[in-house]
C-alpha atoms as a PDB file:
ATOM      1  CA  MET A   1       0.000   0.000   0.000  1.00  0.00           C
ATOM      2  CA  LYS A   2       1.359   3.394  -1.031  1.00  0.00           C
ATOM      3  CA  LEU A   3       2.010   5.738   1.883  1.00  0.00           C
ATOM      4  CA  THR A   4       0.559   9.233   1.949  1.00  0.00           C
ATOM      5  CA  ASN A   5       2.923  12.160   2.428  1.00  0.00           C
ATOM      6  CA  ALA A   6       1.619  12.568   5.976  1.00  0.00           C
ATOM      7  CA  GLU A   7       2.420   8.918   6.732  1.00  0.00           C
ATOM      8  CA  LYS A   8       5.889   9.302   5.228  1.00  0.00           C
ATOM      9  CA  ALA A   9       6.490  12.392   7.352  1.00  0.00           C
ATOM     10  CA  TYR A  10       5.198  10.659  10.464  1.00  0.00           C
ATOM     11  CA  ARG A  11       7.469   7.633  10.023  1.00  0.00           C
ATOM     12  CA  GLN A  12      10.557   9.690   9.294  1.00  0.00           C
ATOM     13  CA  ILE A  13      10.070  12.149  12.141  1.00  0.00           C
ATOM     14  CA  ARG A  14       9.154   9.356  14.558  1.00  0.00           C
ATOM     15  CA  HIS A  15      12.366   7.529  13.639  1.00  0.00           C
ATOM     16  CA  LYS A  16      14.373  10.678  14.374  1.00  0.00           C
ATOM     17  CA  ILE A  17      12.714  11.020  17.769  1.00  0.00           C
ATOM     18  CA  VAL A  18      12.863   7.349  18.762  1.00  0.00           C
ATOM     19  CA  THR A  19      16.548   7.038  17.835  1.00  0.00           C
ATOM     20  CA  THR A  20      17.209  10.371  19.618  1.00  0.00           C
ATOM     21  CA  THR A  21      18.572  11.988  16.459  1.00  0.00           C
ATOM     22  CA  LEU A  22      16.077  14.570  17.665  1.00  0.00           C
ATOM     23  CA  PRO A  23      16.842  14.354  21.417  1.00  0.00           C
ATOM     24  CA  PRO A  24      14.370  14.988  24.254  1.00  0.00           C
ATOM     25  CA  GLY A  25      13.641  18.696  24.561  1.00  0.00           C
ATOM     26  CA  ALA A  26      14.810  19.524  21.026  1.00  0.00           C
ATOM     27  CA  VAL A  27      12.965  22.324  19.255  1.00  0.00           C
ATOM     28  CA  ILE A  28      10.936  21.193  16.233  1.00  0.00           C
ATOM     29  CA  ARG A  29      10.688  23.628  13.345  1.00  0.00           C
ATOM     30  CA  GLU A  30       8.264  23.008  10.516  1.00  0.00           C
ATOM     31  CA  THR A  31      10.431  24.781   7.971  1.00  0.00           C
ATOM     32  CA  ASP A  32      13.464  22.630   8.830  1.00  0.00           C
ATOM     33  CA  LEU A  33      11.450  19.433   8.475  1.00  0.00           C
ATOM     34  CA  MET A  34       9.906  20.605   5.198  1.00  0.00           C
ATOM     35  CA  SER A  35      13.358  21.244   3.779  1.00  0.00           C
ATOM     36  CA  GLU A  36      14.910  18.039   5.107  1.00  0.00           C
ATOM     37  CA  LEU A  37      12.066  15.693   4.182  1.00  0.00           C
ATOM     38  CA  GLN A  38      11.126  17.503   0.975  1.00  0.00           C
ATOM     39  CA  LEU A  39       7.473  17.552   1.964  1.00  0.00           C
ATOM     40  CA  GLY A  40       4.871  20.297   2.234  1.00  0.00           C
ATOM     41  CA  ARG A  41       3.598  22.044   5.350  1.00  0.00           C
ATOM     42  CA  THR A  42       0.290  20.152   5.504  1.00  0.00           C
ATOM     43  CA  PRO A  43       1.719  16.600   5.764  1.00  0.00           C
ATOM     44  CA  ILE A  44       4.325  17.814   8.258  1.00  0.00           C
ATOM     45  CA  ARG A  45       1.589  19.318  10.439  1.00  0.00           C
ATOM     46  CA  GLU A  46      -0.505  16.165  10.213  1.00  0.00           C
ATOM     47  CA  ALA A  47       2.515  14.092  11.240  1.00  0.00           C
ATOM     48  CA  ILE A  48       3.285  16.405  14.165  1.00  0.00           C
ATOM     49  CA  LYS A  49      -0.321  16.157  15.347  1.00  0.00           C
ATOM     50  CA  GLN A  50      -0.065  12.351  15.355  1.00  0.00           C
ATOM     51  CA  LEU A  51       3.284  12.449  17.146  1.00  0.00           C
ATOM     52  CA  GLN A  52       1.738  14.695  19.781  1.00  0.00           C
ATOM     53  CA  ALA A  53      -1.061  12.147  20.245  1.00  0.00           C
ATOM     54  CA  ASN A  54       1.626   9.477  20.692  1.00  0.00           C
ATOM     55  CA  SER A  55       3.375  11.468  23.451  1.00  0.00           C
ATOM     56  CA  LEU A  56       6.507  12.046  21.358  1.00  0.00           C
ATOM     57  CA  VAL A  57       5.954  15.750  20.661  1.00  0.00           C
ATOM     58  CA  THR A  58       4.843  18.498  23.039  1.00  0.00           C
ATOM     59  CA  ILE A  59       3.244  21.688  21.711  1.00  0.00           C
ATOM     60  CA  THR A  60       3.280  24.649  24.086  1.00  0.00           C
ATOM     61  CA  PRO A  61       1.299  27.805  23.221  1.00  0.00           C
ATOM     62  CA  ARG A  62       3.529  30.828  22.526  1.00  0.00           C
ATOM     63  CA  ARG A  63       6.660  28.702  22.971  1.00  0.00           C
ATOM     64  CA  GLY A  64       6.570  26.235  20.110  1.00  0.00           C
ATOM     65  CA  MET A  65       6.988  22.523  19.460  1.00  0.00           C
ATOM     66  CA  PHE A  66       9.459  20.273  21.247  1.00  0.00           C
ATOM     67  CA  VAL A  67      10.435  16.637  21.420  1.00  0.00           C
ATOM     68  CA  THR A  68       8.828  15.385  24.621  1.00  0.00           C
ATOM     69  CA  ASP A  69      11.203  15.120  27.573  1.00  0.00           C
ATOM     70  CA  ILE A  70      11.795  11.848  29.423  1.00  0.00           C
ATOM     71  CA  SER A  71      11.785  11.556  33.207  1.00  0.00           C
ATOM     72  CA  ALA A  72      12.416   8.752  35.680  1.00  0.00           C
ATOM     73  CA  THR A  73       8.675   8.722  36.307  1.00  0.00           C
ATOM     74  CA  ASP A  74       8.065   8.149  32.588  1.00  0.00           C
ATOM     75  CA  LEU A  75      10.396   5.141  32.638  1.00  0.00           C
ATOM     76  CA  THR A  76       8.547   3.572  35.570  1.00  0.00           C
ATOM     77  CA  GLN A  77       5.090   4.199  34.136  1.00  0.00           C
ATOM     78  CA  ILE A  78       6.032   2.891  30.668  1.00  0.00           C
ATOM     79  CA  PHE A  79       7.457  -0.218  32.335  1.00  0.00           C
ATOM     80  CA  GLU A  80       4.244  -0.759  34.326  1.00  0.00           C
ATOM     81  CA  VAL A  81       2.211  -0.803  31.113  1.00  0.00           C
ATOM     82  CA  ARG A  82       4.693  -2.767  28.989  1.00  0.00           C
ATOM     83  CA  ILE A  83       5.028  -5.609  31.454  1.00  0.00           C
ATOM     84  CA  VAL A  84       1.273  -6.195  31.212  1.00  0.00           C
ATOM     85  CA  ILE A  85       0.761  -5.899  27.469  1.00  0.00           C
ATOM     86  CA  GLU A  86       3.983  -7.671  26.433  1.00  0.00           C
ATOM     87  CA  THR A  87       3.224 -10.690  28.615  1.00  0.00           C
ATOM     88  CA  LEU A  88      -0.336 -10.778  27.253  1.00  0.00           C
ATOM     89  CA  ALA A  89       1.032 -10.627  23.703  1.00  0.00           C
ATOM     90  CA  ALA A  90       3.371 -13.562  24.404  1.00  0.00           C
ATOM     91  CA  ARG A  91       0.503 -15.550  25.887  1.00  0.00           C
ATOM     92  CA  LEU A  92      -1.801 -14.901  22.916  1.00  0.00           C
ATOM     93  CA  ALA A  93       0.967 -15.432  20.356  1.00  0.00           C
ATOM     94  CA  THR A  94       1.639 -18.888  21.806  1.00  0.00           C
ATOM     95  CA  LYS A  95      -1.954 -19.834  21.025  1.00  0.00           C
ATOM     96  CA  ARG A  96      -2.341 -18.045  17.681  1.00  0.00           C
ATOM     97  CA  ILE A  97       1.014 -17.928  15.904  1.00  0.00           C
ATOM     98  CA  ASN A  98       1.144 -19.505  12.435  1.00  0.00           C
ATOM     99  CA  SER A  99       3.977 -21.580  10.955  1.00  0.00           C
ATOM    100  CA  ASP A 100       5.439 -18.745   8.862  1.00  0.00           C
ATOM    101  CA  GLN A 101       5.510 -16.402  11.841  1.00  0.00           C
ATOM    102  CA  LEU A 102       7.056 -19.095  14.032  1.00  0.00           C
ATOM    103  CA  SER A 103       9.797 -19.695  11.465  1.00  0.00           C
ATOM    104  CA  ARG A 104      10.550 -15.978  11.233  1.00  0.00           C
ATOM    105  CA  LEU A 105      10.543 -15.674  15.026  1.00  0.00           C
ATOM    106  CA  ARG A 106      13.154 -18.446  15.237  1.00  0.00           C
ATOM    107  CA  ASP A 107      15.315 -16.675  12.635  1.00  0.00           C
ATOM    108  CA  LEU A 108      15.188 -13.475  14.688  1.00  0.00           C
ATOM    109  CA  ALA A 109      15.917 -15.255  17.980  1.00  0.00           C
ATOM    110  CA  GLU A 110      18.883 -17.101  16.487  1.00  0.00           C
ATOM    111  CA  SER A 111      20.210 -13.895  14.920  1.00  0.00           C
ATOM    112  CA  TYR A 112      19.874 -12.069  18.231  1.00  0.00           C
ATOM    113  CA  LYS A 113      21.744 -14.794  20.106  1.00  0.00           C
ATOM    114  CA  ASN A 114      24.506 -14.879  17.471  1.00  0.00           C
ATOM    115  CA  THR A 115      24.969 -11.106  17.325  1.00  0.00           C
ATOM    116  CA  LYS A 116      27.877  -9.699  19.297  1.00  0.00           C
ATOM    117  CA  PRO A 117      26.656  -7.936  22.471  1.00  0.00           C
ATOM    118  CA  SER A 118      28.860  -5.002  21.497  1.00  0.00           C
ATOM    119  CA  ASP A 119      26.797  -4.498  18.303  1.00  0.00           C
ATOM    120  CA  LYS A 120      24.069  -2.645  20.163  1.00  0.00           C
ATOM    121  CA  GLU A 121      22.431  -1.127  17.090  1.00  0.00           C
ATOM    122  CA  ALA A 122      21.936  -4.564  15.519  1.00  0.00           C
ATOM    123  CA  LEU A 123      20.533  -5.921  18.799  1.00  0.00           C
ATOM    124  CA  ILE A 124      18.052  -3.055  19.020  1.00  0.00           C
ATOM    125  CA  ASN A 125      16.824  -3.657  15.473  1.00  0.00           C
ATOM    126  CA  LEU A 126      16.420  -7.402  16.069  1.00  0.00           C
ATOM    127  CA  ASP A 127      14.636  -6.792  19.375  1.00  0.00           C
ATOM    128  CA  CYS A 128      12.239  -4.400  17.644  1.00  0.00           C
ATOM    129  CA  GLU A 129      11.420  -6.969  14.948  1.00  0.00           C
ATOM    130  CA  PHE A 130      11.011  -9.736  17.525  1.00  0.00           C
ATOM    131  CA  HIS A 131       8.524  -7.829  19.688  1.00  0.00           C
ATOM    132  CA  SER A 132       6.680  -6.555  16.626  1.00  0.00           C
ATOM    133  CA  LEU A 133       6.270 -10.084  15.285  1.00  0.00           C
ATOM    134  CA  ILE A 134       4.957 -11.369  18.609  1.00  0.00           C
ATOM    135  CA  ALA A 135       2.451  -8.504  18.646  1.00  0.00           C
ATOM    136  CA  LYS A 136       1.357  -9.443  15.128  1.00  0.00           C
ATOM    137  CA  ALA A 137       1.133 -13.148  16.022  1.00  0.00           C
ATOM    138  CA  ALA A 138      -1.113 -12.288  18.985  1.00  0.00           C
ATOM    139  CA  ASN A 139      -3.679 -11.328  16.335  1.00  0.00           C
ATOM    140  CA  ASN A 140      -5.313  -8.522  18.298  1.00  0.00           C
ATOM    141  CA  LYS A 141      -5.198  -5.182  16.503  1.00  0.00           C
ATOM    142  CA  PHE A 142      -5.866  -3.150  19.658  1.00  0.00           C
ATOM    143  CA  LEU A 143      -3.117  -4.879  21.592  1.00  0.00           C
ATOM    144  CA  LYS A 144      -0.723  -4.473  18.667  1.00  0.00           C
ATOM    145  CA  LYS A 145      -1.409  -0.735  18.496  1.00  0.00           C
ATOM    146  CA  ASP A 146      -0.762  -0.231  22.217  1.00  0.00           C
ATOM    147  CA  LEU A 147       2.281  -2.489  22.244  1.00  0.00           C
ATOM    148  CA  THR A 148       3.850  -0.591  19.353  1.00  0.00           C
ATOM    149  CA  HIS A 149       3.149   2.739  21.039  1.00  0.00           C
ATOM    150  CA  TYR A 150       4.735   1.816  24.358  1.00  0.00           C
ATOM    151  CA  TYR A 151       7.578  -0.068  22.736  1.00  0.00           C
ATOM    152  CA  ASN A 152       8.539   3.075  20.811  1.00  0.00           C
ATOM    153  CA  LEU A 153       8.490   5.136  24.018  1.00  0.00           C
ATOM    154  CA  SER A 154      10.643   2.509  25.701  1.00  0.00           C
ATOM    155  CA  LEU A 155      12.974   2.281  22.710  1.00  0.00           C
ATOM    156  CA  ARG A 156      13.677   6.004  22.865  1.00  0.00           C
ATOM    157  CA  ILE A 157      14.845   5.571  26.452  1.00  0.00           C
ATOM    158  CA  TRP A 158      17.039   2.638  25.380  1.00  0.00           C
ATOM    159  CA  TYR A 159      18.724   4.811  22.764  1.00  0.00           C
ATOM    160  CA  LEU A 160      19.513   7.377  25.460  1.00  0.00           C
ATOM    161  CA  ALA A 161      21.178   4.739  27.631  1.00  0.00           C
ATOM    162  CA  ILE A 162      22.844   2.644  24.932  1.00  0.00           C
ATOM    163  CA  GLN A 163      26.162   4.482  24.940  1.00  0.00           C
ATOM    164  CA  SER A 164      26.683   3.672  28.615  1.00  0.00           C
ATOM    165  CA  ALA A 165      25.292   0.131  28.672  1.00  0.00           C
ATOM    166  CA  GLN A 166      27.824  -2.696  28.842  1.00  0.00           C
ATOM    167  CA  PRO A 167      27.665  -5.855  26.681  1.00  0.00           C
ATOM    168  CA  GLU A 168      27.091  -8.008  29.774  1.00  0.00           C
ATOM    169  CA  ASP A 169      23.957  -5.985  30.559  1.00  0.00           C
ATOM    170  CA  ILE A 170      22.200  -7.401  27.505  1.00  0.00           C
ATOM    171  CA  ASP A 171      20.306 -10.679  27.950  1.00  0.00           C
ATOM    172  CA  VAL A 172      21.069 -12.296  24.596  1.00  0.00           C
ATOM    173  CA  ALA A 173      19.385 -15.586  25.582  1.00  0.00           C
ATOM    174  CA  ALA A 174      15.970 -14.027  26.272  1.00  0.00           C
ATOM    175  CA  HIS A 175      14.562 -14.170  22.755  1.00  0.00           C
ATOM    176  CA  LEU A 176      15.524 -17.787  22.197  1.00  0.00           C
ATOM    177  CA  GLU A 177      13.999 -18.809  25.519  1.00  0.00           C
ATOM    178  CA  ILE A 178      10.750 -16.971  24.745  1.00  0.00           C
ATOM    179  CA  LEU A 179      10.662 -18.629  21.347  1.00  0.00           C
ATOM    180  CA  GLU A 180      11.188 -22.090  22.851  1.00  0.00           C
ATOM    181  CA  GLU A 181       8.217 -21.651  25.179  1.00  0.00           C
ATOM    182  CA  ILE A 182       6.046 -20.462  22.273  1.00  0.00           C
ATOM    183  CA  GLU A 183       7.159 -23.434  20.175  1.00  0.00           C
ATOM    184  CA  ALA A 184       6.332 -25.745  23.084  1.00  0.00           C
ATOM    185  CA  GLY A 185       2.855 -24.225  23.246  1.00  0.00           C
ATOM    186  CA  ASP A 186       3.280 -23.234  26.906  1.00  0.00           C
ATOM    187  CA  ALA A 187       1.526 -19.857  27.142  1.00  0.00           C
ATOM    188  CA  ASP A 188       2.156 -19.465  30.882  1.00  0.00           C
ATOM    189  CA  LYS A 189       5.913 -19.999  30.577  1.00  0.00           C
ATOM    190  CA  ALA A 190       6.145 -17.803  27.454  1.00  0.00           C
ATOM    191  CA  ALA A 191       4.391 -15.003  29.344  1.00  0.00           C
ATOM    192  CA  LEU A 192       6.648 -15.483  32.386  1.00  0.00           C
ATOM    193  CA  ARG A 193       9.839 -15.407  30.294  1.00  0.00           C
ATOM    194  CA  MET A 194       8.622 -12.270  28.539  1.00  0.00           C
ATOM    195  CA  LYS A 195       7.886 -10.709  31.934  1.00  0.00           C
ATOM    196  CA  ASN A 196      11.438 -11.493  33.066  1.00  0.00           C
ATOM    197  CA  HIS A 197      12.809 -10.008  29.836  1.00  0.00           C
ATOM    198  CA  ILE A 198      10.947  -6.724  30.351  1.00  0.00           C
ATOM    199  CA  GLU A 199      11.990  -6.578  34.010  1.00  0.00           C
ATOM    200  CA  ASP A 200      15.632  -7.115  33.042  1.00  0.00           C
ATOM    201  CA  PHE A 201      15.381  -4.347  30.445  1.00  0.00           C
ATOM    202  CA  HIS A 202      13.913  -1.983  33.060  1.00  0.00           C
ATOM    203  CA  ARG A 203      16.668  -2.704  35.580  1.00  0.00           C
ATOM    204  CA  THR A 204      19.363  -2.123  32.960  1.00  0.00           C
ATOM    205  CA  ILE A 205      17.906   1.173  31.781  1.00  0.00           C
ATOM    206  CA  LYS A 206      17.512   2.489  35.351  1.00  0.00           C
ATOM    207  CA  THR A 207      21.219   1.905  35.914  1.00  0.00           C
ATOM    208  CA  TYR A 208      22.251   4.320  33.167  1.00  0.00           C
ATOM    209  CA  LEU A 209      19.633   7.074  33.310  1.00  0.00           C
END
């Protein structure tokens, strides 16, 4: 499906914010984005409006537009939501995943385990694909929407901490263990391993923020 200009703008600006190319608190200028993305004012404004709805952009009257700041409270509250919806997604995916999705999930888990812990960018990309695929396999469009939203907020925090994180902080076995429980059809254990994975992520991030 062909993307509209507003959707293109949204994806590109969101990527800049999530990867902290546009860091928390950065000023957002329409004219700069129009020039950089080669898009008109209307799609840029539509994208900004959506980003504001997704808690990634803050618009303050008479001051302007800014990338939303991140606080320790944000980290805790995002974690509280993620631990619920990610474990639910793992539970549902165990029951609903199809053979193609299961094969792709194994590829991602194996790639994650075989990637050097020092290659943090590659690990982030694989983690993103892994969680996205589990959300898709859960086959619940409302859950998938919320999971993607909170994952992106969490991912932005990970990008802030990534320069300080040590290779030993990264649980490279987590994905493979989650996969194995899904393959075994054990929804309770898949949900528990996902819960442990999210808790480990939270502890690591708190150390470096």
